[in-house]
PDB file of N, CA and C in Angstrom:
ATOM      1  N   MET A   1       7.699 -18.754  -6.083  1.00  0.00           N
ATOM      2  CA  MET A   1       7.438 -17.537  -5.352  1.00  0.00           C
ATOM      3  C   MET A   1       6.801 -16.575  -5.914  1.00  0.00           C
ATOM      4  N   LEU A   2       5.790 -16.180  -4.929  1.00  0.00           N
ATOM      5  CA  LEU A   2       4.574 -15.264  -5.178  1.00  0.00           C
ATOM      6  C   LEU A   2       5.143 -13.723  -5.690  1.00  0.00           C
ATOM      7  N   PRO A   3       4.733 -13.167  -6.444  1.00  0.00           N
ATOM      8  CA  PRO A   3       5.416 -11.808  -6.548  1.00  0.00           C
ATOM      9  C   PRO A   3       4.819 -10.961  -5.488  1.00  0.00           C
ATOM     10  N   ALA A   4       5.514 -10.057  -5.019  1.00  0.00           N
ATOM     11  CA  ALA A   4       5.240  -9.342  -3.721  1.00  0.00           C
ATOM     12  C   ALA A   4       4.548  -7.878  -4.228  1.00  0.00           C
ATOM     13  N   ARG A   5       3.451  -7.725  -3.059  1.00  0.00           N
ATOM     14  CA  ARG A   5       2.933  -6.605  -3.058  1.00  0.00           C
ATOM     15  C   ARG A   5       3.124  -5.912  -2.053  1.00  0.00           C
ATOM     16  N   ILE A   6       3.617  -4.415  -2.287  1.00  0.00           N
ATOM     17  CA  ILE A   6       4.206  -3.854  -1.295  1.00  0.00           C
ATOM     18  C   ILE A   6       3.227  -2.502  -0.969  1.00  0.00           C
ATOM     19  N   GLY A   7       3.079  -2.412   0.470  1.00  0.00           N
ATOM     20  CA  GLY A   7       2.167  -1.384   0.674  1.00  0.00           C
ATOM     21  C   GLY A   7       3.089  -0.250   1.288  1.00  0.00           C
ATOM     22  N   ALA A   8       2.670   0.959   0.978  1.00  0.00           N
ATOM     23  CA  ALA A   8       3.404   2.275   1.545  1.00  0.00           C
ATOM     24  C   ALA A   8       2.292   3.322   1.843  1.00  0.00           C
ATOM     25  N   ALA A   9       2.808   4.201   2.958  1.00  0.00           N
ATOM     26  CA  ALA A   9       2.150   5.376   2.958  1.00  0.00           C
ATOM     27  C   ALA A   9       3.105   6.374   2.508  1.00  0.00           C
ATOM     28  N   THR A  10       2.500   7.490   1.981  1.00  0.00           N
ATOM     29  CA  THR A  10       3.524   8.515   1.201  1.00  0.00           C
ATOM     30  C   THR A  10       3.897   9.225   2.711  1.00  0.00           C
ATOM     31  N   GLY A  11       3.235   9.310   3.497  1.00  0.00           N
ATOM     32  CA  GLY A  11       3.556  10.300   4.865  1.00  0.00           C
ATOM     33  C   GLY A  11       4.433   9.440   5.933  1.00  0.00           C
ATOM     34  N   ASP A  12       4.529   8.366   6.197  1.00  0.00           N
ATOM     35  CA  ASP A  12       4.691   7.580   7.225  1.00  0.00           C
ATOM     36  C   ASP A  12       6.725   7.578   7.402  1.00  0.00           C
ATOM     37  N   PRO A  13       6.376   8.556   8.341  1.00  0.00           N
ATOM     38  CA  PRO A  13       7.996   8.974   9.229  1.00  0.00           C
ATOM     39  C   PRO A  13       8.927   8.139   8.867  1.00  0.00           C
ATOM     40  N   ARG A  14       8.278   6.952   9.573  1.00  0.00           N
ATOM     41  CA  ARG A  14       9.840   5.650   9.672  1.00  0.00           C
ATOM     42  C   ARG A  14      10.158   4.847   8.546  1.00  0.00           C
ATOM     43  N   THR A  15       9.145   4.230   7.660  1.00  0.00           N
ATOM     44  CA  THR A  15       9.303   3.666   6.678  1.00  0.00           C
ATOM     45  C   THR A  15       9.091   4.484   5.839  1.00  0.00           C
ATOM     46  N   THR A  16       9.885   5.370   4.814  1.00  0.00           N
ATOM     47  CA  THR A  16       9.274   6.329   3.957  1.00  0.00           C
ATOM     48  C   THR A  16       8.793   5.854   2.638  1.00  0.00           C
ATOM     49  N   TYR A  17       8.093   6.555   1.791  1.00  0.00           N
ATOM     50  CA  TYR A  17       7.665   6.142   0.915  1.00  0.00           C
ATOM     51  C   TYR A  17       8.866   5.737  -0.190  1.00  0.00           C
ATOM     52  N   ASP A  18      10.262   6.824   0.017  1.00  0.00           N
ATOM     53  CA  ASP A  18      11.232   6.111  -1.153  1.00  0.00           C
ATOM     54  C   ASP A  18      11.625   5.015  -0.540  1.00  0.00           C
ATOM     55  N   GLY A  19      11.619   4.569   1.074  1.00  0.00           N
ATOM     56  CA  GLY A  19      12.253   3.362   1.239  1.00  0.00           C
ATOM     57  C   GLY A  19      11.562   2.086   0.807  1.00  0.00           C
ATOM     58  N   SER A  20      10.048   2.313   0.334  1.00  0.00           N
ATOM     59  CA  SER A  20       9.302   1.377  -0.351  1.00  0.00           C
ATOM     60  C   SER A  20       9.308   1.255  -1.743  1.00  0.00           C
ATOM     61  N   VAL A  21       9.986   2.329  -2.605  1.00  0.00           N
ATOM     62  CA  VAL A  21       9.912   2.532  -3.644  1.00  0.00           C
ATOM     63  C   VAL A  21      11.441   1.650  -4.085  1.00  0.00           C
ATOM     64  N   GLU A  22      12.501   1.586  -3.570  1.00  0.00           N
ATOM     65  CA  GLU A  22      13.382   1.300  -3.605  1.00  0.00           C
ATOM     66  C   GLU A  22      13.678  -0.502  -3.756  1.00  0.00           C
ATOM     67  N   PRO A  23      12.669  -1.048  -2.798  1.00  0.00           N
ATOM     68  CA  PRO A  23      12.782  -2.634  -2.862  1.00  0.00           C
ATOM     69  C   PRO A  23      11.959  -3.015  -3.862  1.00  0.00           C
ATOM     70  N   ARG A  24      10.908  -2.058  -4.514  1.00  0.00           N
ATOM     71  CA  ARG A  24       9.739  -2.362  -5.574  1.00  0.00           C
ATOM     72  C   ARG A  24      10.740  -2.395  -7.117  1.00  0.00           C
ATOM     73  N   GLY A  25      11.914  -1.617  -7.039  1.00  0.00           N
ATOM     74  CA  GLY A  25      12.813  -1.699  -8.127  1.00  0.00           C
ATOM     75  C   GLY A  25      13.934  -2.830  -8.435  1.00  0.00           C
ATOM     76  N   ARG A  26      13.909  -3.514  -6.939  1.00  0.00           N
ATOM     77  CA  ARG A  26      14.793  -4.635  -6.922  1.00  0.00           C
ATOM     78  C   ARG A  26      13.775  -6.097  -7.185  1.00  0.00           C
ATOM     79  N   LEU A  27      12.483  -6.085  -6.871  1.00  0.00           N
ATOM     80  CA  LEU A  27      11.756  -7.033  -7.113  1.00  0.00           C
ATOM     81  C   LEU A  27      10.801  -7.152  -8.210  1.00  0.00           C
ATOM     82  N   PRO A  28      11.232  -7.269  -9.765  1.00  0.00           N
ATOM     83  CA  PRO A  28      10.569  -6.890 -10.839  1.00  0.00           C
ATOM     84  C   PRO A  28       9.431  -7.380 -11.145  1.00  0.00           C
ATOM     85  N   ARG A  29       8.756  -8.365 -10.613  1.00  0.00           N
ATOM     86  CA  ARG A  29       7.220  -8.911 -10.438  1.00  0.00           C
ATOM     87  C   ARG A  29       6.199  -8.585  -9.465  1.00  0.00           C
ATOM     88  N   SER A  30       6.818  -7.422  -8.807  1.00  0.00           N
ATOM     89  CA  SER A  30       6.348  -6.741  -7.673  1.00  0.00           C
ATOM     90  C   SER A  30       5.570  -5.356  -7.893  1.00  0.00           C
ATOM     91  N   ARG A  31       4.340  -5.238  -7.026  1.00  0.00           N
ATOM     92  CA  ARG A  31       3.994  -4.114  -7.274  1.00  0.00           C
ATOM     93  C   ARG A  31       3.766  -3.250  -5.916  1.00  0.00           C
ATOM     94  N   LEU A  32       3.499  -1.907  -6.476  1.00  0.00           N
ATOM     95  CA  LEU A  32       3.677  -1.125  -4.753  1.00  0.00           C
ATOM     96  C   LEU A  32       2.174  -0.245  -4.946  1.00  0.00           C
ATOM     97  N   VAL A  33       1.562  -0.626  -3.945  1.00  0.00           N
ATOM     98  CA  VAL A  33       0.108   0.170  -3.517  1.00  0.00           C
ATOM     99  C   VAL A  33       0.823   1.368  -2.248  1.00  0.00           C
ATOM    100  N   ALA A  34       0.357   2.314  -2.927  1.00  0.00           N
ATOM    101  CA  ALA A  34       0.523   3.538  -1.887  1.00  0.00           C
ATOM    102  C   ALA A  34      -0.819   4.227  -1.769  1.00  0.00           C
ATOM    103  N   LEU A  35      -0.822   4.369  -0.001  1.00  0.00           N
ATOM    104  CA  LEU A  35      -1.836   5.812   0.326  1.00  0.00           C
ATOM    105  C   LEU A  35      -1.429   7.019   0.670  1.00  0.00           C
ATOM    106  N   GLU A  36      -2.157   7.844  -0.474  1.00  0.00           N
ATOM    107  CA  GLU A  36      -1.527   8.962  -0.254  1.00  0.00           C
ATOM    108  C   GLU A  36      -2.009   9.942   1.074  1.00  0.00           C
ATOM    109  N   GLY A  37      -0.989  10.280   1.694  1.00  0.00           N
ATOM    110  CA  GLY A  37      -1.216  11.352   2.904  1.00  0.00           C
ATOM    111  C   GLY A  37      -1.346  10.327   4.005  1.00  0.00           C
ATOM    112  N   ALA A  38      -1.398   9.126   4.085  1.00  0.00           N
ATOM    113  CA  ALA A  38      -1.320   8.426   5.269  1.00  0.00           C
ATOM    114  C   ALA A  38      -0.171   8.393   6.027  1.00  0.00           C
ATOM    115  N   ASP A  39      -0.044   8.953   7.463  1.00  0.00           N
ATOM    116  CA  ASP A  39       1.062   9.128   8.271  1.00  0.00           C
ATOM    117  C   ASP A  39       1.604   7.757   9.219  1.00  0.00           C
ATOM    118  N   ARG A  40       0.440   6.464   8.828  1.00  0.00           N
ATOM    119  CA  ARG A  40       1.123   5.365   9.867  1.00  0.00           C
ATOM    120  C   ARG A  40       1.441   4.406   8.734  1.00  0.00           C
ATOM    121  N   HIS A  41       2.229   3.355   9.386  1.00  0.00           N
ATOM    122  CA  HIS A  41       3.056   2.219   8.493  1.00  0.00           C
ATOM    123  C   HIS A  41       1.573   1.310   8.228  1.00  0.00           C
ATOM    124  N   VAL A  42       0.898   0.799   8.916  1.00  0.00           N
ATOM    125  CA  VAL A  42      -0.080  -0.461   8.705  1.00  0.00           C
ATOM    126  C   VAL A  42      -0.892   0.366   8.054  1.00  0.00           C
ATOM    127  N   LEU A  43      -1.545  -0.132   6.563  1.00  0.00           N
ATOM    128  CA  LEU A  43      -2.723   0.552   6.171  1.00  0.00           C
ATOM    129  C   LEU A  43      -3.764  -0.681   5.734  1.00  0.00           C
ATOM    130  N   PHE A  44      -3.496  -1.765   5.924  1.00  0.00           N
ATOM    131  CA  PHE A  44      -4.802  -2.653   5.703  1.00  0.00           C
ATOM    132  C   PHE A  44      -5.730  -2.795   6.652  1.00  0.00           C
ATOM    133  N   GLY A  45      -6.898  -2.281   6.693  1.00  0.00           N
ATOM    134  CA  GLY A  45      -7.684  -2.505   7.459  1.00  0.00           C
ATOM    135  C   GLY A  45      -7.820  -1.347   8.447  1.00  0.00           C
ATOM    136  N   ARG A  46      -7.219  -0.285   8.496  1.00  0.00           N
ATOM    137  CA  ARG A  46      -6.557   0.424   9.301  1.00  0.00           C
ATOM    138  C   ARG A  46      -7.282   1.905   9.068  1.00  0.00           C
ATOM    139  N   TYR A  47      -7.566   2.514   7.621  1.00  0.00           N
ATOM    140  CA  TYR A  47      -7.426   3.413   7.051  1.00  0.00           C
ATOM    141  C   TYR A  47      -8.872   3.842   6.649  1.00  0.00           C
ATOM    142  N   GLY A  48      -9.659   2.261   6.203  1.00  0.00           N
ATOM    143  CA  GLY A  48     -10.924   2.685   6.113  1.00  0.00           C
ATOM    144  C   GLY A  48     -10.776   2.948   4.189  1.00  0.00           C
ATOM    145  N   ASN A  49      -9.722   2.549   3.705  1.00  0.00           N
ATOM    146  CA  ASN A  49      -9.781   3.042   2.295  1.00  0.00           C
ATOM    147  C   ASN A  49      -9.874   1.708   1.418  1.00  0.00           C
ATOM    148  N   VAL A  50     -11.062   2.110   0.683  1.00  0.00           N
ATOM    149  CA  VAL A  50     -11.315   0.512  -0.301  1.00  0.00           C
ATOM    150  C   VAL A  50     -10.216   0.296  -1.382  1.00  0.00           C
ATOM    151  N   CYS A  51      -9.627   1.192  -1.753  1.00  0.00           N
ATOM    152  CA  CYS A  51      -8.479   1.030  -2.530  1.00  0.00           C
ATOM    153  C   CYS A  51      -7.692   0.152  -1.914  1.00  0.00           C
ATOM    154  N   VAL A  52      -7.174   0.638  -1.031  1.00  0.00           N
ATOM    155  CA  VAL A  52      -5.927  -0.195  -0.382  1.00  0.00           C
ATOM    156  C   VAL A  52      -6.803  -2.075   0.169  1.00  0.00           C
ATOM    157  N   ASP A  53      -7.641  -1.707   0.912  1.00  0.00           N
ATOM    158  CA  ASP A  53      -8.170  -2.683   1.199  1.00  0.00           C
ATOM    159  C   ASP A  53      -8.586  -3.978   0.320  1.00  0.00           C
ATOM    160  N   ASP A  54      -9.320  -3.443  -0.775  1.00  0.00           N
ATOM    161  CA  ASP A  54      -9.667  -4.290  -1.568  1.00  0.00           C
ATOM    162  C   ASP A  54      -8.701  -4.910  -2.599  1.00  0.00           C
ATOM    163  N   GLU A  55      -7.293  -4.334  -2.838  1.00  0.00           N
ATOM    164  CA  GLU A  55      -5.979  -4.839  -3.119  1.00  0.00           C
ATOM    165  C   GLU A  55      -5.355  -5.745  -2.168  1.00  0.00           C
ATOM    166  N   ALA A  56      -5.362  -5.523  -0.936  1.00  0.00           N
ATOM    167  CA  ALA A  56      -5.027  -6.382  -0.198  1.00  0.00           C
ATOM    168  C   ALA A  56      -5.656  -7.694  -0.348  1.00  0.00           C
ATOM    169  N   ILE A  57      -7.002  -7.534  -0.004  1.00  0.00           N
ATOM    170  CA  ILE A  57      -8.079  -8.724   0.133  1.00  0.00           C
ATOM    171  C   ILE A  57      -7.751  -9.562  -1.425  1.00  0.00           C
ATOM    172  N   ARG A  58      -7.645  -8.963  -2.352  1.00  0.00           N
ATOM    173  CA  ARG A  58      -7.288  -9.722  -3.648  1.00  0.00           C
ATOM    174  C   ARG A  58      -6.085 -10.423  -3.899  1.00  0.00           C
ATOM    175  N   TYR A  59      -5.089 -10.057  -3.362  1.00  0.00           N
ATOM    176  CA  TYR A  59      -3.433 -10.485  -3.599  1.00  0.00           C
ATOM    177  C   TYR A  59      -3.835 -11.783  -2.359  1.00  0.00           C
ATOM    178  N   LEU A  60      -4.311 -11.588  -1.170  1.00  0.00           N
ATOM    179  CA  LEU A  60      -4.421 -12.360   0.102  1.00  0.00           C
ATOM    180  C   LEU A  60      -5.004 -13.555  -0.566  1.00  0.00           C
ATOM    181  N   ALA A  61      -5.922 -13.449  -1.457  1.00  0.00           N
ATOM    182  CA  ALA A  61      -6.791 -14.543  -2.090  1.00  0.00           C
ATOM    183  C   ALA A  61      -6.401 -15.125  -3.232  1.00  0.00           C
ATOM    184  N   THR A  62      -5.808 -14.271  -3.731  1.00  0.00           N
ATOM    185  CA  THR A  62      -5.326 -14.855  -5.176  1.00  0.00           C
ATOM    186  C   THR A  62      -3.482 -15.048  -5.221  1.00  0.00           C
ATOM    187  N   GLY A  63      -3.062 -14.240  -4.660  1.00  0.00           N
ATOM    188  CA  GLY A  63      -1.503 -14.139  -4.439  1.00  0.00           C
ATOM    189  C   GLY A  63      -1.136 -13.099  -5.883  1.00  0.00           C
ATOM    190  N   LYS A  64      -2.144 -12.906  -6.453  1.00  0.00           N
ATOM    191  CA  LYS A  64      -1.670 -11.785  -7.858  1.00  0.00           C
ATOM    192  C   LYS A  64      -1.548 -10.611  -7.570  1.00  0.00           C
ATOM    193  N   PRO A  65      -0.376  -9.622  -7.329  1.00  0.00           N
ATOM    194  CA  PRO A  65      -0.467  -8.147  -7.029  1.00  0.00           C
ATOM    195  C   PRO A  65      -1.111  -7.396  -8.154  1.00  0.00           C
ATOM    196  N   PRO A  66      -1.618  -6.036  -8.032  1.00  0.00           N
ATOM    197  CA  PRO A  66      -2.363  -5.406  -9.075  1.00  0.00           C
ATOM    198  C   PRO A  66      -1.253  -5.701 -10.370  1.00  0.00           C
ATOM    199  N   ARG A  67      -1.904  -5.345 -11.868  1.00  0.00           N
ATOM    200  CA  ARG A  67      -0.975  -5.283 -12.972  1.00  0.00           C
ATOM    201  C   ARG A  67      -0.097  -4.090 -12.697  1.00  0.00           C
ATOM    202  N   GLU A  68      -0.546  -2.954 -12.002  1.00  0.00           N
ATOM    203  CA  GLU A  68       0.311  -1.881 -12.233  1.00  0.00           C
ATOM    204  C   GLU A  68       0.493  -1.320 -10.982  1.00  0.00           C
ATOM    205  N   ASN A  69       1.735  -0.178 -10.679  1.00  0.00           N
ATOM    206  CA  ASN A  69       1.658   0.166  -9.295  1.00  0.00           C
ATOM    207  C   ASN A  69       0.490   1.178  -9.284  1.00  0.00           C
ATOM    208  N   GLN A  70      -0.057   1.123  -7.673  1.00  0.00           N
ATOM    209  CA  GLN A  70      -1.244   2.291  -7.851  1.00  0.00           C
ATOM    210  C   GLN A  70      -0.644   3.178  -6.241  1.00  0.00           C
ATOM    211  N   THR A  71      -1.836   4.295  -6.336  1.00  0.00           N
ATOM    212  CA  THR A  71      -1.562   5.119  -5.562  1.00  0.00           C
ATOM    213  C   THR A  71      -3.412   5.519  -5.129  1.00  0.00           C
ATOM    214  N   CYS A  72      -3.489   5.230  -4.223  1.00  0.00           N
ATOM    215  CA  CYS A  72      -4.891   5.579  -3.534  1.00  0.00           C
ATOM    216  C   CYS A  72      -4.978   6.677  -3.030  1.00  0.00           C
ATOM    217  N   ALA A  73      -5.859   7.566  -3.002  1.00  0.00           N
ATOM    218  CA  ALA A  73      -6.169   8.965  -2.504  1.00  0.00           C
ATOM    219  C   ALA A  73      -6.467   8.518  -0.857  1.00  0.00           C
ATOM    220  N   GLY A  74      -6.058   9.357  -0.359  1.00  0.00           N
ATOM    221  CA  GLY A  74      -6.365   9.418   1.398  1.00  0.00           C
ATOM    222  C   GLY A  74      -7.286   8.990   1.820  1.00  0.00           C
ATOM    223  N   TRP A  75      -7.276   8.412   2.842  1.00  0.00           N
ATOM    224  CA  TRP A  75      -8.062   7.352   3.855  1.00  0.00           C
ATOM    225  C   TRP A  75      -9.413   8.284   3.696  1.00  0.00           C
ATOM    226  N   ALA A  76     -10.602   7.566   4.218  1.00  0.00           N
ATOM    227  CA  ALA A  76     -11.845   7.699   4.436  1.00  0.00           C
ATOM    228  C   ALA A  76     -12.246   9.012   4.833  1.00  0.00           C
ATOM    229  N   ASP A  77     -12.310   8.940   6.351  1.00  0.00           N
ATOM    230  CA  ASP A  77     -12.449   9.873   7.286  1.00  0.00           C
ATOM    231  C   ASP A  77     -11.241  10.679   8.014  1.00  0.00           C
ATOM    232  N   ARG A  78     -10.546  11.655   7.625  1.00  0.00           N
ATOM    233  CA  ARG A  78      -9.396  12.465   8.293  1.00  0.00           C
ATOM    234  C   ARG A  78      -9.856  12.796   9.445  1.00  0.00           C
ATOM    235  N   SER A  79     -11.272  12.975  10.038  1.00  0.00           N
ATOM    236  CA  SER A  79     -11.399  13.369  11.360  1.00  0.00           C
ATOM    237  C   SER A  79     -11.158  12.198  12.493  1.00  0.00           C
ATOM    238  N   VAL A  80     -10.841  10.997  11.858  1.00  0.00           N
ATOM    239  CA  VAL A  80     -11.003  10.003  13.100  1.00  0.00           C
ATOM    240  C   VAL A  80      -9.411   9.633  12.749  1.00  0.00           C
ATOM    241  N   SER A  81      -8.841   9.572  13.777  1.00  0.00           N
ATOM    242  CA  SER A  81      -7.379   9.334  14.080  1.00  0.00           C
ATOM    243  C   SER A  81      -7.113   7.642  14.066  1.00  0.00           C
ATOM    244  N   PRO A  82      -6.490   7.221  12.859  1.00  0.00           N
ATOM    245  CA  PRO A  82      -6.467   5.522  12.771  1.00  0.00           C
ATOM    246  C   PRO A  82      -5.566   4.887  13.357  1.00  0.00           C
TER     247      PRO A  82
END
């Protein structure tokens, strides 16, 4: 089984950041990639954040999550609604 890569938005009101941290603790080989300040659930390809998108592409291509949990800076352009 591949290790999980869990994506989270720190401002998601429905799937809260804490709700993403909890399963990360239950899956020892998993890694959490969070987008700071994002307020929607879907992260990949939606916010234009290179940090989030590159990690997602790398995981999909290789099946390997990042070496460590990551928190990426807010999305590229806050004037555009994702």
